[in-house]
Amino acid sequence: MKPTESELEILQLLWEHGPQPVRVINEMINKKREVGYTTTLKIMQLMNEKGLTIRDTTSRTHVYSANIDEQKTRSTLLSEFINTTFRGSAQSLVLQALGSSKTSQAELDEIKQLINRMENAKNEEL
């Protein structure tokens, strides 16, 4: 199931900080923008119903944790984005990203290393 933008924001906090009660998640969100506690609570309850999170109810304060894998979610969302925005072309995505932002030399070096590793892996397959 594809998370909404608000759900993804909460998932990112859970992936980064681990299991948290609603109050803590709401405080983290409020550092960026103002959101009411009940709004965060409702979103997290819906996420639990959808299976995006798991709720631990053993203590008075319910603690939520992510129930979907971060890497798998990123991969799925990126594939959908590439397909819908760049007509399936990863090359177009990379060229757009590199052309529209200031890329440091260190980032370029890392990209080159990744390309070299991918080419070497392809050559080993042949």
N, C-alpha and C. Protein backbone atom coordinates (compact mmCIF):
# COMPACT_ATOMS: atom_id res chain seq x y z
N MET A 1 0.84 -1.19 0.00
CA MET A 1 0.00 0.00 0.00
C MET A 1 0.88 1.24 0.00
N LYS A 2 0.57 2.18 -0.86
CA LYS A 2 1.35 3.40 -0.99
C LYS A 2 0.93 4.40 0.09
N PRO A 3 1.88 4.85 0.92
CA PRO A 3 1.53 5.82 1.96
C PRO A 3 1.27 7.21 1.37
N THR A 4 0.37 7.95 2.03
CA THR A 4 0.13 9.33 1.64
C THR A 4 1.33 10.17 2.06
N GLU A 5 1.33 11.44 1.67
CA GLU A 5 2.43 12.34 2.03
C GLU A 5 2.56 12.47 3.55
N SER A 6 1.44 12.63 4.25
CA SER A 6 1.46 12.75 5.71
C SER A 6 1.93 11.45 6.36
N GLU A 7 1.47 10.33 5.83
CA GLU A 7 1.88 9.04 6.36
C GLU A 7 3.37 8.82 6.14
N LEU A 8 3.85 9.21 4.99
CA LEU A 8 5.28 9.05 4.69
C LEU A 8 6.13 9.91 5.63
N GLU A 9 5.65 11.10 5.95
CA GLU A 9 6.37 11.96 6.89
C GLU A 9 6.50 11.27 8.25
N ILE A 10 5.43 10.64 8.71
CA ILE A 10 5.45 9.93 9.99
C ILE A 10 6.33 8.69 9.90
N LEU A 11 6.23 7.95 8.80
CA LEU A 11 7.08 6.77 8.63
C LEU A 11 8.56 7.14 8.67
N GLN A 12 8.92 8.25 8.02
CA GLN A 12 10.32 8.68 8.03
C GLN A 12 10.80 8.95 9.44
N LEU A 13 9.96 9.53 10.27
CA LEU A 13 10.33 9.78 11.66
C LEU A 13 10.47 8.46 12.43
N LEU A 14 9.56 7.53 12.17
CA LEU A 14 9.65 6.22 12.85
C LEU A 14 10.88 5.45 12.39
N TRP A 15 11.21 5.51 11.11
CA TRP A 15 12.41 4.82 10.61
C TRP A 15 13.66 5.44 11.23
N GLU A 16 13.68 6.75 11.34
CA GLU A 16 14.86 7.43 11.86
C GLU A 16 15.01 7.29 13.37
N HIS A 17 13.89 7.40 14.10
CA HIS A 17 13.96 7.45 15.57
C HIS A 17 13.46 6.19 16.27
N GLY A 18 12.93 5.24 15.50
CA GLY A 18 12.42 4.02 16.12
C GLY A 18 11.03 4.23 16.69
N PRO A 19 10.51 3.23 17.40
CA PRO A 19 9.15 3.29 17.94
C PRO A 19 8.95 4.52 18.84
N GLN A 20 7.80 5.18 18.66
CA GLN A 20 7.52 6.42 19.39
C GLN A 20 6.03 6.53 19.69
N PRO A 21 5.69 7.22 20.80
CA PRO A 21 4.28 7.55 21.04
C PRO A 21 3.85 8.71 20.14
N VAL A 22 2.55 8.86 19.98
CA VAL A 22 1.99 9.91 19.12
C VAL A 22 2.50 11.28 19.54
N ARG A 23 2.55 11.54 20.84
CA ARG A 23 2.98 12.85 21.34
C ARG A 23 4.35 13.23 20.82
N VAL A 24 5.29 12.29 20.84
CA VAL A 24 6.66 12.56 20.38
C VAL A 24 6.68 12.82 18.87
N ILE A 25 5.96 12.00 18.12
CA ILE A 25 5.88 12.20 16.67
C ILE A 25 5.28 13.57 16.37
N ASN A 26 4.22 13.93 17.07
CA ASN A 26 3.58 15.23 16.86
C ASN A 26 4.54 16.37 17.17
N GLU A 27 5.33 16.25 18.23
CA GLU A 27 6.31 17.29 18.57
C GLU A 27 7.37 17.43 17.47
N MET A 28 7.81 16.31 16.90
CA MET A 28 8.81 16.36 15.82
C MET A 28 8.23 17.03 14.57
N ILE A 29 6.99 16.70 14.25
CA ILE A 29 6.34 17.32 13.08
C ILE A 29 6.19 18.82 13.31
N ASN A 30 5.84 19.20 14.54
CA ASN A 30 5.62 20.61 14.85
C ASN A 30 6.89 21.45 14.81
N LYS A 31 8.04 20.83 14.77
CA LYS A 31 9.29 21.57 14.57
C LYS A 31 9.38 22.12 13.15
N LYS A 32 8.67 21.47 12.22
CA LYS A 32 8.67 21.89 10.82
C LYS A 32 7.44 22.72 10.48
N ARG A 33 6.29 22.25 10.96
CA ARG A 33 5.02 22.93 10.67
C ARG A 33 4.04 22.57 11.77
N GLU A 34 3.05 23.42 11.97
CA GLU A 34 2.12 23.21 13.07
C GLU A 34 1.01 22.23 12.68
N VAL A 35 0.91 21.17 13.47
CA VAL A 35 -0.12 20.15 13.28
C VAL A 35 -0.69 19.81 14.65
N GLY A 36 -1.99 19.73 14.75
CA GLY A 36 -2.62 19.40 16.02
C GLY A 36 -2.38 17.95 16.42
N TYR A 37 -2.35 17.72 17.73
CA TYR A 37 -2.13 16.38 18.25
C TYR A 37 -3.19 15.41 17.73
N THR A 38 -4.45 15.83 17.73
CA THR A 38 -5.52 14.92 17.31
C THR A 38 -5.40 14.56 15.83
N THR A 39 -4.85 15.48 15.03
CA THR A 39 -4.64 15.18 13.61
C THR A 39 -3.58 14.09 13.47
N THR A 40 -2.47 14.25 14.20
CA THR A 40 -1.41 13.24 14.16
C THR A 40 -1.92 11.90 14.67
N LEU A 41 -2.68 11.93 15.76
CA LEU A 41 -3.25 10.71 16.33
C LEU A 41 -4.13 10.00 15.30
N LYS A 42 -5.01 10.73 14.64
CA LYS A 42 -5.92 10.14 13.67
C LYS A 42 -5.15 9.51 12.50
N ILE A 43 -4.14 10.23 12.00
CA ILE A 43 -3.34 9.69 10.89
C ILE A 43 -2.65 8.40 11.33
N MET A 44 -2.10 8.40 12.54
CA MET A 44 -1.38 7.20 13.00
C MET A 44 -2.34 6.05 13.27
N GLN A 45 -3.55 6.33 13.70
CA GLN A 45 -4.55 5.28 13.87
C GLN A 45 -4.92 4.67 12.52
N LEU A 46 -5.10 5.54 11.52
CA LEU A 46 -5.41 5.05 10.17
C LEU A 46 -4.24 4.24 9.61
N MET A 47 -3.02 4.69 9.87
CA MET A 47 -1.83 3.96 9.41
C MET A 47 -1.80 2.57 10.03
N ASN A 48 -2.19 2.48 11.28
CA ASN A 48 -2.23 1.19 11.97
C ASN A 48 -3.27 0.28 11.33
N GLU A 49 -4.44 0.83 11.00
CA GLU A 49 -5.49 0.06 10.36
C GLU A 49 -5.06 -0.44 8.98
N LYS A 50 -4.27 0.37 8.27
CA LYS A 50 -3.78 0.01 6.94
C LYS A 50 -2.60 -0.98 6.99
N GLY A 51 -2.04 -1.17 8.19
CA GLY A 51 -0.89 -2.06 8.32
C GLY A 51 0.46 -1.38 8.08
N LEU A 52 0.46 -0.05 8.00
CA LEU A 52 1.72 0.67 7.81
C LEU A 52 2.52 0.76 9.10
N THR A 53 1.80 0.71 10.23
CA THR A 53 2.45 0.74 11.54
C THR A 53 1.92 -0.38 12.41
N ILE A 54 2.64 -0.61 13.50
CA ILE A 54 2.20 -1.55 14.54
C ILE A 54 2.07 -0.72 15.81
N ARG A 55 1.01 -0.95 16.58
CA ARG A 55 0.78 -0.21 17.82
C ARG A 55 0.97 -1.15 19.00
N ASP A 56 1.86 -0.76 19.90
CA ASP A 56 2.09 -1.51 21.14
C ASP A 56 1.20 -0.91 22.23
N THR A 57 0.25 -1.67 22.69
CA THR A 57 -0.71 -1.17 23.68
C THR A 57 -0.46 -1.73 25.08
N THR A 58 0.74 -2.27 25.31
CA THR A 58 1.02 -2.87 26.62
C THR A 58 1.16 -1.84 27.73
N SER A 59 1.48 -0.61 27.39
CA SER A 59 1.56 0.43 28.42
C SER A 59 0.44 1.44 28.19
N ARG A 60 0.27 2.35 29.13
CA ARG A 60 -0.78 3.37 29.03
C ARG A 60 -0.60 4.22 27.77
N THR A 61 0.66 4.55 27.47
CA THR A 61 0.97 5.32 26.27
C THR A 61 1.22 4.35 25.12
N HIS A 62 0.40 4.43 24.11
CA HIS A 62 0.56 3.55 22.96
C HIS A 62 1.77 3.99 22.15
N VAL A 63 2.60 3.02 21.79
CA VAL A 63 3.82 3.28 21.03
C VAL A 63 3.68 2.66 19.65
N TYR A 64 3.98 3.47 18.64
CA TYR A 64 3.86 3.04 17.25
C TYR A 64 5.23 2.77 16.66
N SER A 65 5.31 1.77 15.80
CA SER A 65 6.54 1.50 15.05
C SER A 65 6.16 1.22 13.60
N ALA A 66 7.11 1.47 12.71
CA ALA A 66 6.88 1.24 11.28
C ALA A 66 6.71 -0.26 11.05
N ASN A 67 5.79 -0.61 10.17
CA ASN A 67 5.54 -2.01 9.84
C ASN A 67 5.88 -2.30 8.38
N ILE A 68 6.47 -1.32 7.70
CA ILE A 68 6.91 -1.53 6.32
C ILE A 68 8.38 -1.13 6.23
N ASP A 69 9.09 -1.77 5.34
CA ASP A 69 10.53 -1.58 5.19
C ASP A 69 10.83 -0.26 4.47
N GLU A 70 11.78 0.49 5.00
CA GLU A 70 12.14 1.78 4.42
C GLU A 70 12.68 1.64 3.00
N GLN A 71 13.63 0.74 2.80
CA GLN A 71 14.24 0.59 1.48
C GLN A 71 13.23 0.13 0.43
N LYS A 72 12.39 -0.81 0.81
CA LYS A 72 11.37 -1.32 -0.12
C LYS A 72 10.38 -0.20 -0.48
N THR A 73 10.00 0.59 0.51
CA THR A 73 9.08 1.70 0.27
C THR A 73 9.71 2.73 -0.64
N ARG A 74 10.97 3.08 -0.37
CA ARG A 74 11.68 4.03 -1.23
C ARG A 74 11.74 3.53 -2.67
N SER A 75 12.08 2.27 -2.82
CA SER A 75 12.21 1.67 -4.15
C SER A 75 10.88 1.72 -4.90
N THR A 76 9.81 1.35 -4.22
CA THR A 76 8.48 1.36 -4.85
C THR A 76 8.07 2.77 -5.25
N LEU A 77 8.24 3.72 -4.32
CA LEU A 77 7.86 5.11 -4.61
C LEU A 77 8.71 5.70 -5.73
N LEU A 78 10.01 5.38 -5.72
CA LEU A 78 10.89 5.89 -6.76
C LEU A 78 10.51 5.32 -8.13
N SER A 79 10.23 4.02 -8.17
CA SER A 79 9.82 3.40 -9.44
C SER A 79 8.55 4.05 -9.99
N GLU A 80 7.57 4.28 -9.11
CA GLU A 80 6.34 4.94 -9.54
C GLU A 80 6.63 6.35 -10.03
N PHE A 81 7.50 7.07 -9.32
CA PHE A 81 7.85 8.45 -9.70
C PHE A 81 8.54 8.47 -11.07
N ILE A 82 9.49 7.57 -11.26
CA ILE A 82 10.20 7.51 -12.55
C ILE A 82 9.23 7.18 -13.67
N ASN A 83 8.35 6.22 -13.44
CA ASN A 83 7.38 5.83 -14.47
C ASN A 83 6.41 6.94 -14.82
N THR A 84 5.91 7.65 -13.82
CA THR A 84 4.90 8.67 -14.09
C THR A 84 5.50 10.01 -14.51
N THR A 85 6.66 10.35 -13.99
CA THR A 85 7.24 11.67 -14.25
C THR A 85 8.24 11.67 -15.39
N PHE A 86 9.01 10.59 -15.53
CA PHE A 86 10.08 10.54 -16.52
C PHE A 86 9.87 9.44 -17.56
N ARG A 87 8.60 9.01 -17.71
CA ARG A 87 8.23 7.98 -18.69
C ARG A 87 9.10 6.73 -18.58
N GLY A 88 9.46 6.39 -17.35
CA GLY A 88 10.23 5.17 -17.10
C GLY A 88 11.73 5.30 -17.29
N SER A 89 12.22 6.49 -17.56
CA SER A 89 13.65 6.68 -17.83
C SER A 89 14.42 7.13 -16.60
N ALA A 90 15.19 6.21 -16.01
CA ALA A 90 16.05 6.56 -14.88
C ALA A 90 17.11 7.57 -15.31
N GLN A 91 17.56 7.44 -16.55
CA GLN A 91 18.56 8.38 -17.08
C GLN A 91 18.03 9.81 -17.04
N SER A 92 16.81 10.02 -17.46
CA SER A 92 16.21 11.35 -17.44
C SER A 92 16.13 11.89 -16.02
N LEU A 93 15.78 11.03 -15.08
CA LEU A 93 15.72 11.43 -13.67
C LEU A 93 17.09 11.90 -13.18
N VAL A 94 18.12 11.10 -13.45
CA VAL A 94 19.47 11.43 -12.99
C VAL A 94 19.96 12.71 -13.64
N LEU A 95 19.76 12.86 -14.93
CA LEU A 95 20.21 14.07 -15.63
C LEU A 95 19.48 15.30 -15.09
N GLN A 96 18.19 15.17 -14.85
CA GLN A 96 17.42 16.29 -14.28
C GLN A 96 17.93 16.64 -12.89
N ALA A 97 18.16 15.62 -12.05
CA ALA A 97 18.62 15.86 -10.68
C ALA A 97 20.00 16.51 -10.67
N LEU A 98 20.90 16.03 -11.49
CA LEU A 98 22.26 16.58 -11.52
C LEU A 98 22.29 17.97 -12.15
N GLY A 99 21.40 18.21 -13.09
CA GLY A 99 21.40 19.48 -13.79
C GLY A 99 20.70 20.60 -13.04
N SER A 100 19.86 20.26 -12.07
CA SER A 100 19.07 21.29 -11.40
C SER A 100 19.51 21.57 -9.97
N SER A 101 20.65 21.01 -9.57
CA SER A 101 21.14 21.28 -8.22
C SER A 101 22.66 21.36 -8.25
N LYS A 102 23.20 21.96 -7.21
CA LYS A 102 24.65 22.04 -7.11
C LYS A 102 25.17 20.73 -6.55
N THR A 103 25.86 19.99 -7.37
CA THR A 103 26.40 18.70 -6.97
C THR A 103 27.87 18.90 -6.61
N SER A 104 28.24 18.47 -5.41
CA SER A 104 29.62 18.64 -4.96
C SER A 104 30.53 17.65 -5.67
N GLN A 105 31.81 17.92 -5.63
CA GLN A 105 32.79 17.02 -6.23
C GLN A 105 32.75 15.65 -5.54
N ALA A 106 32.55 15.66 -4.23
CA ALA A 106 32.47 14.40 -3.49
C ALA A 106 31.27 13.58 -3.96
N GLU A 107 30.14 14.24 -4.19
CA GLU A 107 28.96 13.53 -4.68
C GLU A 107 29.20 12.97 -6.09
N LEU A 108 29.84 13.78 -6.94
CA LEU A 108 30.15 13.31 -8.29
C LEU A 108 31.08 12.11 -8.25
N ASP A 109 32.09 12.15 -7.37
CA ASP A 109 33.01 11.02 -7.22
C ASP A 109 32.28 9.77 -6.77
N GLU A 110 31.35 9.93 -5.85
CA GLU A 110 30.58 8.78 -5.35
C GLU A 110 29.70 8.21 -6.46
N ILE A 111 29.11 9.08 -7.27
CA ILE A 111 28.29 8.64 -8.40
C ILE A 111 29.14 7.87 -9.40
N LYS A 112 30.34 8.38 -9.68
CA LYS A 112 31.25 7.69 -10.60
C LYS A 112 31.62 6.31 -10.07
N GLN A 113 31.88 6.21 -8.77
CA GLN A 113 32.21 4.92 -8.17
C GLN A 113 31.03 3.94 -8.30
N LEU A 114 29.83 4.45 -8.09
CA LEU A 114 28.64 3.60 -8.23
C LEU A 114 28.51 3.10 -9.66
N ILE A 115 28.72 3.99 -10.63
CA ILE A 115 28.64 3.59 -12.04
C ILE A 115 29.71 2.54 -12.34
N ASN A 116 30.91 2.73 -11.85
CA ASN A 116 31.99 1.76 -12.07
C ASN A 116 31.63 0.40 -11.47
N ARG A 117 31.07 0.39 -10.25
CA ARG A 117 30.67 -0.88 -9.62
C ARG A 117 29.58 -1.57 -10.44
N MET A 118 28.63 -0.78 -10.94
CA MET A 118 27.54 -1.35 -11.74
C MET A 118 28.09 -1.92 -13.05
N GLU A 119 29.02 -1.21 -13.69
CA GLU A 119 29.62 -1.71 -14.94
C GLU A 119 30.42 -2.97 -14.69
N ASN A 120 31.18 -3.01 -13.60
CA ASN A 120 31.96 -4.20 -13.27
C ASN A 120 31.06 -5.40 -13.00
N ALA A 121 29.95 -5.18 -12.32
CA ALA A 121 29.00 -6.26 -12.04
C ALA A 121 28.39 -6.78 -13.34
N LYS A 122 28.08 -5.88 -14.26
CA LYS A 122 27.53 -6.28 -15.56
C LYS A 122 28.55 -7.11 -16.33
N ASN A 123 29.82 -6.67 -16.32
CA ASN A 123 30.88 -7.39 -17.04
C ASN A 123 31.10 -8.78 -16.46
N GLU A 124 30.95 -8.91 -15.14
CA GLU A 124 31.12 -10.23 -14.49
C GLU A 124 30.00 -11.18 -14.87
N GLU A 125 28.81 -10.62 -15.15
CA GLU A 125 27.67 -11.46 -15.55
C GLU A 125 27.89 -12.06 -16.92
N LEU A 126 28.63 -11.34 -17.78
CA LEU A 126 28.82 -11.80 -19.16
C LEU A 126 29.82 -12.89 -19.24
